[in-house]
Protein backbone atom coordinates (compact mmCIF):
# COMPACT_ATOMS: atom_id res chain seq x y z
CA MET A 1 -7.17 10.35 1.50
CA ALA A 2 -9.69 10.88 4.27
CA VAL A 3 -10.36 7.12 4.32
CA LEU A 4 -6.73 6.36 5.13
CA ALA A 5 -6.70 8.99 7.87
CA ASP A 6 -9.88 7.46 9.33
CA VAL A 7 -8.34 3.98 9.22
CA SER A 8 -5.24 5.27 10.97
CA ARG A 9 -7.28 7.00 13.71
CA THR A 10 -9.47 3.93 14.18
CA ARG A 11 -6.44 1.64 14.40
CA ARG A 12 -4.77 3.93 16.96
CA SER A 13 -7.95 4.07 19.05
CA PHE A 14 -8.37 0.28 18.91
CA VAL A 15 -4.75 -0.32 19.91
CA ASP A 16 -5.02 2.18 22.77
CA ARG A 17 -8.11 0.41 24.14
CA ALA A 18 -6.73 -3.10 23.60
CA LEU A 19 -3.38 -2.39 25.25
CA ALA A 20 -4.58 -0.01 27.96
CA SER A 21 -4.04 -2.53 30.76
CA VAL A 22 -0.61 -3.75 29.63
CA PRO A 23 2.07 -2.66 32.13
CA LEU A 24 5.00 -0.90 30.48
CA PRO A 25 8.19 -1.06 32.56
CA ILE A 26 10.37 0.19 29.65
CA SER A 27 10.45 3.34 27.56
CA ALA A 28 8.62 3.83 24.29
CA ASN A 29 11.94 3.84 22.39
CA ASP A 30 12.88 0.50 23.94
CA VAL A 31 9.54 -0.93 22.83
CA THR A 32 10.27 0.39 19.32
CA ARG A 33 13.68 -1.31 19.36
CA LEU A 34 12.16 -4.63 20.47
CA GLY A 35 9.68 -4.41 17.60
CA ALA A 36 12.47 -3.67 15.15
CA TRP A 37 14.44 -6.69 16.39
CA ALA A 38 11.38 -8.93 16.01
CA CYS A 39 10.95 -7.69 12.43
CA PHE A 40 14.67 -8.22 11.76
CA LEU A 41 14.40 -11.82 12.98
CA SER A 42 11.25 -12.21 10.88
CA ALA A 43 13.17 -11.15 7.76
CA ILE A 44 15.87 -13.71 8.57
CA ALA A 45 13.19 -16.39 9.02
CA LEU A 46 11.73 -15.44 5.64
CA LEU A 47 15.19 -15.69 4.05
CA THR A 48 15.62 -19.17 5.50
CA ALA A 49 12.21 -20.31 4.18
CA HIS A 50 10.53 -20.47 7.59
CA THR A 51 7.38 -18.62 6.50
CA LEU A 52 5.28 -19.50 9.54
CA LEU A 53 8.03 -18.34 11.90
CA ALA A 54 8.44 -15.19 9.79
CA ALA A 55 4.71 -14.47 10.06
CA THR A 56 4.75 -15.10 13.83
CA LEU A 57 7.75 -12.84 14.44
CA LEU A 58 6.27 -10.16 12.20
CA GLY A 59 3.07 -10.34 14.25
CA VAL A 60 5.13 -9.87 17.42
CA GLY A 61 6.90 -6.92 15.81
CA LEU A 62 3.57 -5.36 14.87
CA ALA A 63 2.32 -5.81 18.43
CA PHE A 64 5.39 -3.96 19.71
CA ASP A 65 4.82 -1.30 17.04
CA GLY A 66 1.34 -0.71 18.38
CA LEU A 67 2.57 -0.80 21.95
CA ASP A 68 5.27 1.84 21.39
CA GLY A 69 2.64 4.43 20.50
CA VAL A 70 0.65 3.54 23.60
CA ALA A 71 3.82 3.81 25.69
CA ALA A 72 4.72 7.18 24.18
CA ARG A 73 1.26 8.60 24.86
CA ARG A 74 1.24 7.22 28.44
CA GLN A 75 4.70 8.51 29.23
CA GLY A 76 4.08 11.85 27.53
CA VAL A 77 7.14 11.32 25.36
CA ALA A 78 6.91 11.64 21.62
CA CYS A 79 9.85 10.45 19.50
CA PRO A 80 8.21 9.97 16.11
CA GLU A 81 11.61 10.11 14.40
CA VAL A 82 12.80 6.95 16.17
CA ASP A 83 9.54 5.13 15.41
CA TRP A 84 9.53 6.31 11.78
CA ALA A 85 13.17 5.29 11.27
CA ALA A 86 12.61 1.86 12.82
CA ASP A 87 9.52 1.30 10.66
CA ARG A 88 11.31 2.27 7.43
CA PHE A 89 14.37 0.18 8.39
CA THR A 90 12.34 -2.96 8.95
CA GLU A 91 10.36 -2.42 5.74
CA ALA A 92 13.64 -2.05 3.84
CA LEU A 93 14.79 -5.37 5.35
CA PHE A 94 11.66 -7.04 4.01
CA ILE A 95 12.29 -5.67 0.53
CA GLY A 96 15.56 -7.58 0.41
CA ALA A 97 14.00 -10.71 1.84
CA LEU A 98 11.09 -10.55 -0.62
CA PHE A 99 13.35 -10.08 -3.64
CA TRP A 100 15.49 -12.99 -2.47
CA THR A 101 12.71 -15.47 -1.70
CA GLN A 102 9.49 -14.48 -3.48
CA PRO A 103 8.46 -13.87 -7.10
CA TRP A 104 10.01 -10.64 -8.38
CA LEU A 105 6.58 -9.04 -8.80
CA VAL A 106 5.93 -9.29 -5.05
CA GLY A 107 9.22 -7.54 -4.32
CA LEU A 108 8.53 -4.89 -6.94
CA VAL A 109 5.05 -4.12 -5.59
CA TYR A 110 6.35 -3.97 -2.02
CA THR A 111 9.23 -1.70 -3.10
CA SER A 112 6.81 0.67 -4.82
CA ALA A 113 4.61 0.77 -1.72
CA TYR A 114 7.71 1.34 0.42
CA VAL A 115 8.78 4.34 -1.65
CA ALA A 116 5.25 5.77 -1.39
CA ASN A 117 5.30 5.10 2.35
CA VAL A 118 8.53 7.06 2.72
CA PHE A 119 7.54 10.12 0.73
CA LEU A 120 3.75 10.50 0.89
CA PRO A 121 3.53 11.13 4.67
CA ARG A 122 5.90 14.09 4.22
CA GLY A 123 3.13 15.72 2.17
CA ARG A 124 0.58 14.87 4.90
CA VAL A 125 -0.81 11.95 2.88
CA PRO A 126 -1.39 9.02 5.28
CA VAL A 127 -0.52 5.49 4.19
CA LEU A 128 -1.28 2.07 5.62
CA ALA A 129 1.29 0.02 7.48
CA LEU A 130 3.12 -2.10 4.93
CA ARG A 131 4.06 -4.69 7.51
CA VAL A 132 0.38 -5.42 8.08
CA LEU A 133 -0.01 -6.11 4.36
CA LEU A 134 3.12 -8.27 4.42
CA LEU A 135 1.76 -10.23 7.39
CA GLY A 136 -1.43 -10.90 5.40
CA TYR A 137 0.68 -12.07 2.45
CA LEU A 138 2.75 -14.39 4.67
CA ILE A 139 -0.35 -15.85 6.31
CA ALA A 140 -1.91 -16.45 2.89
CA THR A 141 1.33 -18.12 1.76
CA VAL A 142 1.32 -20.41 4.80
CA ILE A 143 -2.32 -21.34 4.25
CA LEU A 144 -1.87 -21.99 0.52
CA SER A 145 1.23 -24.12 1.13
CA ALA A 146 -0.69 -26.15 3.74
CA LEU A 147 -3.48 -26.76 1.21
CA ASP A 148 -1.06 -28.23 -1.36
């Protein structure tokens, strides 16, 4: 479990350094909402078989997800409930999209990881961001389809 906590701390530190110079004219919650919308549009793109667009929009959503933490720390405002709810909502959207468009095993694995992601942090067990894993899967899908 310590490895996951180290990965989470390292990721947060990297994101803070990488986005330190980005001006933030909106609140952290607004950044969270923009990220959720990008993920929502990504799920729609996945449902309509636009995998590259889905991967791109998911990447944008992940950038906003990293930026909302930076914004919250800069502004001295912590609303982890809003961020947590937006993250779980977008992951739930992807479960539906995966079951609809991908092999059932992919949807089943993602659903299992989603359930763990919902409940394990409550017991102070850190988990990795599922959307990062999904982005890797979508990029691999795009690459493999281009190779065919």
